[in-house]
Amino acid sequence: MNKVTKIIASIGPSCSDKKTLSKMIAGGVNICRLNFSHDTGNTQGKKIDTIRKISHDLGMPVAIMIDLQGPKHRIGNFQTEDKYKLTPGQKFTFDDDSTPGDGTRVQLPDSDVLKSLRPGERILLNDGKIEMQVDEVNKHSATATVIRGTEIWSRRGFNLPDTNLETPILTDKDRADLEYAITKSPDFVAVSFVQRATDIATVRDFITERTSAPIKIVAKIERMNAVENISDIASAADAIMIARGDLAIEAPFEQVPAISRHIIRECRKLNRPVIMATQMLSSMVDNEFPTRAEISDVANAAYLRTDSAMTSEETTIGQNPVNVIETMAKILSFSDNDAIANPYDWSRASDMPENDWSRSVSSMAYLNKAAAIIVFARDTDAATQISCRRPDIPIIAICNDEIIANQLCLPRGVFPIFNTQLFATRDAFNAARIFGINNGKLVIVDEEKVSLRTVE
């Protein structure tokens, strides 16, 4: 139980086969992320079946997170595939005319964008390499001034950091993907480009109309207006993902670490797990070893007491995804132990409520030098809330429902066991022994009862 920060691995062409996935899971993967921006339908379904089979063969919970593409906006096409020159200060027009662009104008295929734009707002294209400022908007077009950027070409994605978009959170593609994914019983659904709490409500309604399974919703924080609404969004969602890639386009890059810390604090107060994502070990797409900066980035995720760190292209298309996972697990294990050896008592942090029951459980474990906290988990609430107090000792969750065990693969320091017999007999001692705890005190949480017992 060295690693308490969990690992979410993005699954792609480099790691879709059973042999590689088995090695990755054995190496430290807790959750497999399937990106529906790329493969969809039966292709993703086969991956889900493979992951479930490995989980059962290994006898360990492994969660599945599907990640919806969301309303990704792109400009239209130009007359040729060439790159068209841009000069700072020049005027450029975006309109609803499907005629190919000519270097001074191009189509915005999404009518809701034109409806949402306002003068003074920025349009960032090509991952922020091009910046324009809107001068004038009418029913069919918007005129902007080029601030920076030298070239533009067809189908560039764009971000609108100052704009409250009226775009529906679920596109037609998302609805079709989610409809299919629900039939495969995922544990988590990650929602892209969330702006407000009502976006989460829309997705939750879509899910509950189709299944009674308690599928958890992860809100991806990629837009600045989502950061501004973080408390409401985190309250509505079940977990938060800090998607630093798009966030670093919309926010000044120097602010992203501070924004991440702010989100982590809000999530802890609201008992929501938080995921650190994007470019954790991206140099390992092509290289055997990470950079020194990447090592520090992964370690910092542990020092900030995030719940999970996530891989992206380093596992989906990287040359050695197993090595990536083993490397990340090694860094997290050492950093988690270093953080524990020099603890900041998160359970007593000033922004935590004084009468919070999970704070009392954490304090009881700390004051009695307990070896573990044992939770009999009918749902994810108790174990997750205790985890958010960061007690720095293992939280062993005994579950009688497989989806609950899978979903508890996300919170920091929670080690789930899916075992109906242990749950029925309330056998905390045997649960502790499964994890090598043969003596010491245990804090046992069974619904509303909390007790202190000694295993020996």
Protein backbone atom coordinates (compact mmCIF):
# COMPACT_ATOMS: atom_id res chain seq x y z
CA MET A 1 0.00 0.00 0.00
CA ASN A 2 2.84 2.40 -0.78
CA LYS A 3 0.98 4.43 -3.42
CA VAL A 4 -2.00 6.41 -2.11
CA THR A 5 -2.30 8.78 -5.11
CA LYS A 6 -4.26 6.89 -7.75
CA ILE A 7 -3.37 6.55 -11.45
CA ILE A 8 -5.81 7.04 -14.33
CA ALA A 9 -4.45 5.68 -17.61
CA SER A 10 -5.81 6.82 -20.96
CA ILE A 11 -6.26 3.77 -23.18
CA GLY A 12 -5.45 3.93 -26.90
CA PRO A 13 -3.78 2.05 -29.75
CA SER A 14 -0.56 1.41 -27.80
CA CYS A 15 -2.26 -0.35 -24.90
CA SER A 16 -5.59 -1.84 -25.98
CA ASP A 17 -4.46 -5.48 -26.01
CA LYS A 18 -5.04 -7.67 -22.96
CA LYS A 19 -1.36 -8.40 -22.30
CA THR A 20 -0.34 -4.73 -22.14
CA LEU A 21 -3.41 -3.70 -20.16
CA SER A 22 -2.78 -6.49 -17.64
CA LYS A 23 0.79 -5.28 -17.08
CA MET A 24 -0.38 -1.67 -16.72
CA ILE A 25 -3.04 -2.58 -14.16
CA ALA A 26 -0.61 -4.76 -12.24
CA GLY A 27 1.86 -1.86 -12.41
CA GLY A 28 -0.43 0.62 -10.67
CA VAL A 29 -3.40 1.67 -12.85
CA ASN A 30 -6.57 2.18 -10.83
CA ILE A 31 -8.84 3.65 -13.52
CA CYS A 32 -8.87 3.22 -17.30
CA ARG A 33 -10.00 6.28 -19.29
CA LEU A 34 -11.57 5.74 -22.71
CA ASN A 35 -11.60 8.89 -24.85
CA PHE A 36 -14.72 8.99 -27.03
CA SER A 37 -13.23 11.85 -29.06
CA HIS A 38 -11.44 9.10 -30.96
CA ASP A 39 -12.78 5.53 -30.98
CA THR A 40 -16.48 5.11 -30.23
CA GLY A 41 -19.13 2.41 -30.16
CA ASN A 42 -18.15 -1.24 -30.35
CA THR A 43 -14.40 -0.43 -30.51
CA GLN A 44 -14.57 1.11 -27.04
CA GLY A 45 -16.96 -1.60 -25.90
CA LYS A 46 -14.37 -4.29 -26.63
CA LYS A 47 -11.83 -2.38 -24.52
CA ILE A 48 -14.33 -2.20 -21.65
CA ASP A 49 -14.91 -5.97 -21.86
CA THR A 50 -11.15 -6.60 -21.80
CA ILE A 51 -10.61 -4.36 -18.77
CA ARG A 52 -13.46 -6.02 -16.87
CA LYS A 53 -12.01 -9.46 -17.62
CA ILE A 54 -8.56 -8.42 -16.38
CA SER A 55 -10.06 -6.93 -13.22
CA HIS A 56 -11.86 -10.19 -12.44
CA ASP A 57 -8.83 -12.33 -13.30
CA LEU A 58 -6.57 -10.26 -11.01
CA GLY A 59 -9.19 -10.06 -8.28
CA MET A 60 -8.78 -6.31 -7.92
CA PRO A 61 -11.16 -3.43 -8.61
CA VAL A 62 -10.40 -1.39 -11.73
CA ALA A 63 -12.70 1.47 -12.70
CA ILE A 64 -13.71 2.55 -16.19
CA MET A 65 -14.13 6.21 -17.09
CA ILE A 66 -15.58 7.22 -20.43
CA ASP A 67 -14.62 10.72 -21.57
CA LEU A 68 -17.09 12.51 -23.84
CA GLN A 69 -15.77 14.79 -26.58
CA GLY A 70 -18.08 17.67 -25.75
CA PRO A 71 -18.77 20.77 -27.86
CA LYS A 72 -15.35 21.14 -29.51
CA HIS A 73 -15.44 24.17 -31.80
CA ARG A 74 -13.52 24.52 -35.06
CA ILE A 75 -13.49 27.09 -37.85
CA GLY A 76 -14.51 26.05 -41.38
CA ASN A 77 -12.39 25.34 -44.44
CA PHE A 78 -10.33 27.66 -46.64
CA GLN A 79 -10.19 27.54 -50.43
CA THR A 80 -6.96 25.53 -50.34
CA GLU A 81 -5.04 23.48 -47.79
CA ASP A 82 -2.38 26.22 -47.70
CA LYS A 83 -1.65 28.32 -44.61
CA TYR A 84 -2.95 31.87 -44.98
CA LYS A 85 -0.88 34.79 -43.71
CA LEU A 86 -2.02 36.89 -40.76
CA THR A 87 -0.65 40.29 -39.76
CA PRO A 88 -1.20 41.76 -36.28
CA GLY A 89 -3.61 44.66 -36.60
CA GLN A 90 -5.45 43.34 -39.64
CA LYS A 91 -9.22 42.70 -39.63
CA PHE A 92 -10.59 39.18 -39.95
CA THR A 93 -14.23 38.10 -40.29
CA PHE A 94 -15.99 35.01 -38.98
CA ASP A 95 -19.40 34.35 -40.50
CA ASP A 96 -22.10 31.76 -41.17
CA ASP A 97 -21.34 31.53 -44.92
CA SER A 98 -20.31 27.97 -45.88
CA THR A 99 -18.24 29.27 -48.82
CA PRO A 100 -14.53 28.34 -48.24
CA GLY A 101 -12.47 31.09 -46.64
CA ASP A 102 -10.09 33.34 -48.56
CA GLY A 103 -7.63 34.61 -45.96
CA THR A 104 -9.76 37.54 -44.79
CA ARG A 105 -12.77 35.52 -43.62
CA VAL A 106 -13.82 31.98 -42.71
CA GLN A 107 -16.99 30.23 -41.61
CA LEU A 108 -17.93 29.55 -37.99
CA PRO A 109 -20.00 26.39 -38.47
CA ASP A 110 -21.66 26.63 -35.04
CA SER A 111 -24.43 29.24 -35.02
CA ASP A 112 -24.48 29.32 -31.21
CA VAL A 113 -20.96 30.81 -31.20
CA LEU A 114 -21.99 33.83 -33.26
CA LYS A 115 -24.99 34.31 -30.98
CA SER A 116 -22.74 34.23 -27.91
CA LEU A 117 -19.86 36.52 -29.01
CA ARG A 118 -19.65 40.09 -27.73
CA PRO A 119 -17.33 43.00 -28.68
CA GLY A 120 -14.12 43.04 -26.66
CA GLU A 121 -13.99 39.26 -26.20
CA ARG A 122 -11.03 37.19 -27.37
CA ILE A 123 -10.89 34.35 -29.87
CA LEU A 124 -7.90 32.03 -29.41
CA LEU A 125 -7.12 29.65 -32.27
CA ASN A 126 -4.68 26.79 -32.82
CA ASP A 127 -4.02 26.10 -29.12
CA GLY A 128 -3.71 29.82 -28.36
CA LYS A 129 -1.04 30.57 -30.96
CA ILE A 130 -3.45 33.00 -32.66
CA GLU A 131 -5.27 35.68 -30.69
CA MET A 132 -7.97 37.97 -32.05
CA GLN A 133 -10.26 40.47 -30.35
CA VAL A 134 -13.88 40.89 -31.44
CA ASP A 135 -14.74 44.39 -32.69
CA GLU A 136 -18.27 44.04 -34.00
CA VAL A 137 -20.97 41.37 -34.04
CA ASN A 138 -24.16 41.13 -36.07
CA LYS A 139 -26.63 38.36 -36.90
CA HIS A 140 -24.48 36.67 -39.53
CA SER A 141 -20.85 37.62 -38.77
CA ALA A 142 -18.27 38.90 -36.30
CA THR A 143 -15.33 41.12 -37.20
CA ALA A 144 -12.12 40.84 -35.17
CA THR A 145 -8.63 42.36 -35.03
CA VAL A 146 -5.59 40.08 -35.11
CA ILE A 147 -3.54 40.62 -31.93
CA ARG A 148 -0.93 37.91 -32.52
CA GLY A 149 -0.37 35.05 -34.90
CA THR A 150 1.11 34.72 -38.37
CA GLU A 151 -0.76 31.87 -40.09
CA ILE A 152 -4.24 30.34 -40.16
CA TRP A 153 -5.57 27.30 -42.00
CA SER A 154 -8.61 25.02 -42.23
CA ARG A 155 -10.41 23.42 -39.29
CA ARG A 156 -8.40 25.04 -36.50
CA GLY A 157 -9.92 24.58 -33.07
CA PHE A 158 -10.63 27.68 -31.04
CA ASN A 159 -11.25 28.76 -27.44
CA LEU A 160 -13.38 31.64 -26.19
CA PRO A 161 -12.05 32.47 -22.72
CA ASP A 162 -14.25 35.53 -22.20
CA THR A 163 -17.49 34.18 -23.67
CA ASN A 164 -20.43 32.49 -21.98
CA LEU A 165 -21.35 30.04 -24.69
CA GLU A 166 -24.96 29.03 -25.22
CA THR A 167 -23.82 25.64 -26.55
CA PRO A 168 -25.65 22.55 -25.21
CA ILE A 169 -23.30 20.49 -23.05
CA LEU A 170 -24.20 17.27 -24.91
CA THR A 171 -23.74 17.31 -28.67
CA ASP A 172 -25.52 14.81 -30.92
CA LYS A 173 -22.30 12.77 -30.97
CA ASP A 174 -22.07 12.84 -27.16
CA ARG A 175 -25.67 11.67 -26.82
CA ALA A 176 -25.05 8.74 -29.16
CA ASP A 177 -21.76 7.87 -27.42
CA LEU A 178 -23.28 8.10 -23.94
CA GLU A 179 -26.33 6.09 -24.99
CA TYR A 180 -24.00 3.28 -26.08
CA ALA A 181 -21.61 3.62 -23.13
CA ILE A 182 -24.43 3.24 -20.61
CA THR A 183 -25.12 -0.23 -22.01
CA LYS A 184 -21.55 -1.17 -20.99
CA SER A 185 -22.01 0.03 -17.38
CA PRO A 186 -19.09 2.47 -16.94
CA ASP A 187 -18.19 3.64 -13.45
CA PHE A 188 -17.52 7.27 -14.41
CA VAL A 189 -18.53 9.65 -17.19
CA ALA A 190 -16.21 12.63 -17.75
CA VAL A 191 -17.98 15.68 -19.21
CA SER A 192 -15.95 18.07 -21.39
CA PHE A 193 -16.14 21.87 -21.48
CA VAL A 194 -18.39 22.24 -18.44
CA GLN A 195 -19.34 25.86 -17.80
CA ARG A 196 -21.98 25.73 -15.06
CA ALA A 197 -23.68 23.40 -12.58
CA THR A 198 -26.73 23.01 -14.85
CA ASP A 199 -24.46 21.26 -17.38
CA ILE A 200 -23.93 18.49 -14.83
CA ALA A 201 -27.65 18.30 -14.12
CA THR A 202 -28.32 17.84 -17.84
CA VAL A 203 -25.92 14.91 -18.09
CA ARG A 204 -27.19 13.35 -14.85
CA ASP A 205 -30.77 13.51 -16.11
CA PHE A 206 -29.71 11.88 -19.37
CA ILE A 207 -28.08 9.01 -17.44
CA THR A 208 -30.83 8.46 -14.84
CA GLU A 209 -33.47 8.33 -17.56
CA ARG A 210 -31.63 5.30 -19.00
CA THR A 211 -30.21 3.40 -16.04
CA SER A 212 -30.56 3.01 -12.30
CA ALA A 213 -26.82 2.33 -11.95
CA PRO A 214 -25.10 4.97 -9.76
CA ILE A 215 -22.72 6.18 -12.49
CA LYS A 216 -20.48 9.02 -11.23
CA ILE A 217 -19.99 12.25 -13.19
CA VAL A 218 -16.57 13.90 -13.49
CA ALA A 219 -16.59 17.58 -14.49
CA LYS A 220 -13.59 18.55 -16.61
CA ILE A 221 -12.44 22.08 -15.79
CA GLU A 222 -11.15 23.50 -19.08
CA ARG A 223 -12.71 26.98 -19.22
CA MET A 224 -12.17 30.05 -17.06
CA ASN A 225 -15.90 30.48 -16.44
CA ALA A 226 -15.84 26.95 -15.01
CA VAL A 227 -13.11 28.05 -12.58
CA GLU A 228 -15.28 31.00 -11.57
CA ASN A 229 -18.17 28.59 -10.93
CA ILE A 230 -16.06 25.85 -9.35
CA SER A 231 -17.96 25.57 -6.05
CA ASP A 232 -21.32 25.13 -7.78
CA ILE A 233 -19.90 22.73 -10.36
CA ALA A 234 -18.09 20.62 -7.75
CA SER A 235 -21.25 20.47 -5.65
CA ALA A 236 -23.24 19.22 -8.65
CA ALA A 237 -20.60 16.75 -9.91
CA ASP A 238 -19.09 13.70 -8.18
CA ALA A 239 -15.46 14.55 -9.00
CA ILE A 240 -13.40 17.21 -10.76
CA MET A 241 -10.68 16.89 -13.39
CA ILE A 242 -8.21 19.76 -13.77
CA ALA A 243 -7.67 19.61 -17.54
CA ARG A 244 -4.58 21.78 -17.65
CA GLY A 245 -4.22 21.68 -21.45
CA ASP A 246 -7.27 23.72 -22.43
CA LEU A 247 -7.17 25.61 -19.13
CA ALA A 248 -3.66 26.86 -19.92
CA ILE A 249 -4.95 28.23 -23.23
CA GLU A 250 -7.80 30.17 -21.64
CA ALA A 251 -5.95 31.33 -18.52
CA PRO A 252 -2.57 33.07 -18.36
CA PHE A 253 -0.14 30.12 -18.14
CA GLU A 254 1.56 31.48 -15.01
CA GLN A 255 -1.78 31.30 -13.17
CA VAL A 256 -2.51 27.62 -13.86
CA PRO A 257 -0.65 26.26 -10.76
CA ALA A 258 -2.47 28.69 -8.48
CA ILE A 259 -5.80 27.89 -10.16
CA SER A 260 -5.10 24.18 -9.63
CA ARG A 261 -4.44 24.73 -5.93
CA HIS A 262 -7.65 26.74 -5.62
CA ILE A 263 -9.65 23.93 -7.25
CA ILE A 264 -8.05 21.31 -4.97
CA ARG A 265 -8.98 23.33 -1.87
CA GLU A 266 -12.58 23.75 -3.02
CA CYS A 267 -12.88 20.05 -3.79
CA ARG A 268 -11.62 19.07 -0.34
CA LYS A 269 -14.14 21.33 1.35
CA LEU A 270 -16.94 19.81 -0.73
CA ASN A 271 -15.74 16.18 -0.37
CA ARG A 272 -15.05 15.79 -4.07
CA PRO A 273 -12.09 13.82 -5.46
CA VAL A 274 -9.87 15.82 -7.81
CA ILE A 275 -7.81 14.58 -10.78
CA MET A 276 -4.65 16.26 -12.09
CA ALA A 277 -4.41 15.81 -15.87
CA THR A 278 -2.46 16.75 -19.01
CA GLN A 279 1.20 16.28 -19.94
CA MET A 280 2.26 14.58 -16.72
CA LEU A 281 4.89 12.45 -18.52
CA SER A 282 4.39 13.51 -22.13
CA SER A 283 8.07 13.20 -23.12
CA MET A 284 7.71 9.44 -22.53
CA VAL A 285 5.67 9.16 -25.74
CA ASP A 286 9.07 8.75 -27.41
CA ASN A 287 11.56 8.43 -24.55
CA GLU A 288 12.33 5.76 -21.97
CA PHE A 289 12.80 8.25 -19.13
CA PRO A 290 10.83 11.35 -18.10
CA THR A 291 12.33 14.81 -17.88
CA ARG A 292 13.33 16.16 -14.49
CA ALA A 293 10.50 18.70 -14.74
CA GLU A 294 7.96 15.93 -15.36
CA ILE A 295 9.21 13.99 -12.35
CA SER A 296 8.65 17.10 -10.23
CA ASP A 297 5.21 17.63 -11.76
CA VAL A 298 4.06 14.11 -10.84
CA ALA A 299 5.59 14.44 -7.37
CA ASN A 300 3.85 17.76 -6.88
CA ALA A 301 0.51 16.08 -7.55
CA ALA A 302 1.25 13.88 -4.53
CA TYR A 303 2.48 16.79 -2.41
CA LEU A 304 -0.73 18.71 -3.19
CA ARG A 305 -2.66 15.64 -2.02
CA THR A 306 -4.61 15.26 -5.24
CA ASP A 307 -6.61 12.06 -5.53
CA SER A 308 -5.41 10.92 -8.94
CA ALA A 309 -2.85 11.71 -11.63
CA MET A 310 -3.75 10.97 -15.25
CA THR A 311 -1.78 9.94 -18.30
CA SER A 312 -2.77 11.00 -21.84
CA GLU A 313 -0.84 10.41 -25.07
CA GLU A 314 2.08 8.86 -23.18
CA THR A 315 -0.03 5.71 -22.76
CA THR A 316 -2.43 6.00 -25.72
CA ILE A 317 0.23 6.32 -28.45
CA GLY A 318 3.49 6.04 -26.50
CA GLN A 319 6.18 3.50 -27.29
CA ASN A 320 6.09 1.82 -23.86
CA PRO A 321 2.89 2.47 -21.86
CA VAL A 322 3.81 -0.13 -19.24
CA ASN A 323 7.03 1.74 -18.50
CA VAL A 324 5.05 4.99 -18.21
CA ILE A 325 2.76 3.50 -15.56
CA GLU A 326 5.58 1.88 -13.63
CA THR A 327 7.50 5.18 -13.71
CA MET A 328 4.52 7.19 -12.51
CA ALA A 329 3.78 4.66 -9.77
CA LYS A 330 7.39 4.78 -8.60
CA ILE A 331 7.39 8.60 -8.42
CA LEU A 332 4.02 8.70 -6.65
CA SER A 333 4.96 5.99 -4.15
CA PHE A 334 8.11 7.79 -3.07
CA SER A 335 6.41 11.20 -3.02
CA ASP A 336 3.38 9.92 -1.12
CA ASN A 337 5.66 8.46 1.54
CA ASP A 338 7.68 11.66 1.67
CA ALA A 339 4.50 13.66 2.16
CA ILE A 340 3.40 11.29 4.91
CA ALA A 341 6.81 11.51 6.61
CA ASN A 342 6.45 15.28 6.72
CA PRO A 343 2.69 15.63 7.23
CA TYR A 344 0.60 18.74 7.15
CA ASP A 345 -2.41 17.84 9.24
CA TRP A 346 -5.09 18.27 6.59
CA SER A 347 -7.75 16.94 8.95
CA ARG A 348 -7.33 20.09 11.08
CA ALA A 349 -7.12 22.62 8.26
CA SER A 350 -8.86 25.89 9.11
CA ASP A 351 -11.20 25.71 6.12
CA MET A 352 -12.71 22.40 7.32
CA PRO A 353 -15.94 22.52 9.39
CA GLU A 354 -15.35 22.00 13.12
CA ASN A 355 -18.19 19.49 13.61
CA ASP A 356 -17.46 17.42 10.50
CA TRP A 357 -17.81 13.71 11.41
CA SER A 358 -15.12 12.60 8.99
CA ARG A 359 -12.71 15.06 10.61
CA SER A 360 -13.47 13.33 13.92
CA VAL A 361 -12.75 9.92 12.40
CA SER A 362 -9.47 11.18 10.97
CA SER A 363 -8.49 12.75 14.29
CA MET A 364 -9.34 9.54 16.15
CA ALA A 365 -7.08 7.57 13.83
CA TYR A 366 -4.29 10.15 14.17
CA LEU A 367 -4.42 10.41 17.97
CA ASN A 368 -4.55 6.63 18.45
CA LYS A 369 -1.82 5.96 15.86
CA ALA A 370 -4.17 3.58 14.06
CA ALA A 371 -2.81 1.27 11.37
CA ALA A 372 -5.87 1.74 9.16
CA ILE A 373 -9.42 3.00 8.91
CA ILE A 374 -11.87 0.26 7.92
CA VAL A 375 -15.10 1.38 6.23
CA PHE A 376 -18.04 -0.89 5.46
CA ALA A 377 -19.13 0.88 2.29
CA ARG A 378 -22.73 0.59 1.09
CA ASP A 379 -21.94 3.58 -1.11
CA THR A 380 -18.95 5.80 -1.81
CA ASP A 381 -19.84 8.65 0.54
CA ALA A 382 -18.19 7.71 3.84
CA ALA A 383 -14.86 6.52 2.41
CA THR A 384 -14.66 9.52 0.05
CA GLN A 385 -15.40 12.02 2.79
CA ILE A 386 -12.79 10.51 5.11
CA SER A 387 -10.32 10.54 2.22
CA CYS A 388 -10.90 14.27 1.76
CA ARG A 389 -9.61 14.81 5.33
CA ARG A 390 -6.31 13.26 4.13
CA PRO A 391 -5.66 11.16 7.28
CA ASP A 392 -2.35 9.74 5.91
CA ILE A 393 -3.20 6.16 6.86
CA PRO A 394 -4.87 3.56 4.63
CA ILE A 395 -8.66 3.66 4.29
CA ILE A 396 -9.79 0.09 3.56
CA ALA A 397 -13.29 0.04 2.08
CA ILE A 398 -15.16 -3.27 2.20
CA CYS A 399 -17.90 -3.23 -0.46
CA ASN A 400 -20.80 -5.53 -1.30
CA ASP A 401 -21.36 -3.94 -4.71
CA GLU A 402 -18.78 -4.08 -7.51
CA ILE A 403 -19.53 -0.60 -8.89
CA ILE A 404 -18.95 0.91 -5.43
CA ALA A 405 -15.58 -0.85 -5.19
CA ASN A 406 -14.66 0.38 -8.67
CA GLN A 407 -15.67 3.96 -7.93
CA LEU A 408 -13.59 3.94 -4.75
CA CYS A 409 -10.56 3.43 -6.99
CA LEU A 410 -10.59 7.23 -7.39
CA PRO A 411 -10.28 8.81 -3.90
CA ARG A 412 -6.81 9.19 -2.45
CA GLY A 413 -5.69 6.54 0.03
CA VAL A 414 -8.82 4.38 -0.32
CA PHE A 415 -8.18 0.67 -0.94
CA PRO A 416 -11.44 -1.02 -1.95
CA ILE A 417 -12.29 -4.70 -1.53
CA PHE A 418 -15.29 -6.20 -3.31
CA ASN A 419 -16.17 -9.07 -1.00
CA THR A 420 -19.77 -9.78 -0.05
CA GLN A 421 -18.80 -12.24 2.70
CA LEU A 422 -16.48 -9.81 4.49
CA PHE A 423 -19.17 -7.16 4.18
CA ALA A 424 -21.93 -9.44 5.52
CA THR A 425 -19.86 -10.66 8.47
CA ARG A 426 -18.34 -7.21 9.16
CA ASP A 427 -14.93 -8.93 9.29
CA ALA A 428 -12.63 -5.93 9.63
CA PHE A 429 -9.70 -7.98 10.92
CA ASN A 430 -9.49 -10.23 7.87
CA ALA A 431 -9.83 -7.19 5.63
CA ALA A 432 -6.86 -5.62 7.39
CA ARG A 433 -4.82 -8.81 7.05
CA ILE A 434 -5.44 -8.88 3.28
CA PHE A 435 -3.35 -5.70 3.18
CA GLY A 436 -0.66 -7.05 5.48
CA ILE A 437 -1.89 -5.38 8.69
CA ASN A 438 -1.50 -8.10 11.31
CA ASN A 439 -1.32 -5.96 14.43
CA GLY A 440 -2.27 -2.49 15.52
CA LYS A 441 -5.37 -0.40 16.12
CA LEU A 442 -8.19 -0.04 13.62
CA VAL A 443 -10.79 2.69 13.41
CA ILE A 444 -13.93 0.95 12.11
CA VAL A 445 -16.71 2.90 10.42
CA ASP A 446 -19.99 1.01 9.95
CA GLU A 447 -22.71 3.40 8.82
CA GLU A 448 -23.29 5.71 11.82
CA LYS A 449 -21.17 3.68 14.25
CA VAL A 450 -17.45 4.37 14.77
CA SER A 451 -15.33 2.13 16.97
CA LEU A 452 -11.68 1.54 17.87
CA ARG A 453 -10.43 -2.06 17.93
CA THR A 454 -7.05 -3.80 17.96
CA VAL A 455 -5.96 -6.50 15.56
CA GLU A 456 -3.26 -8.84 16.84
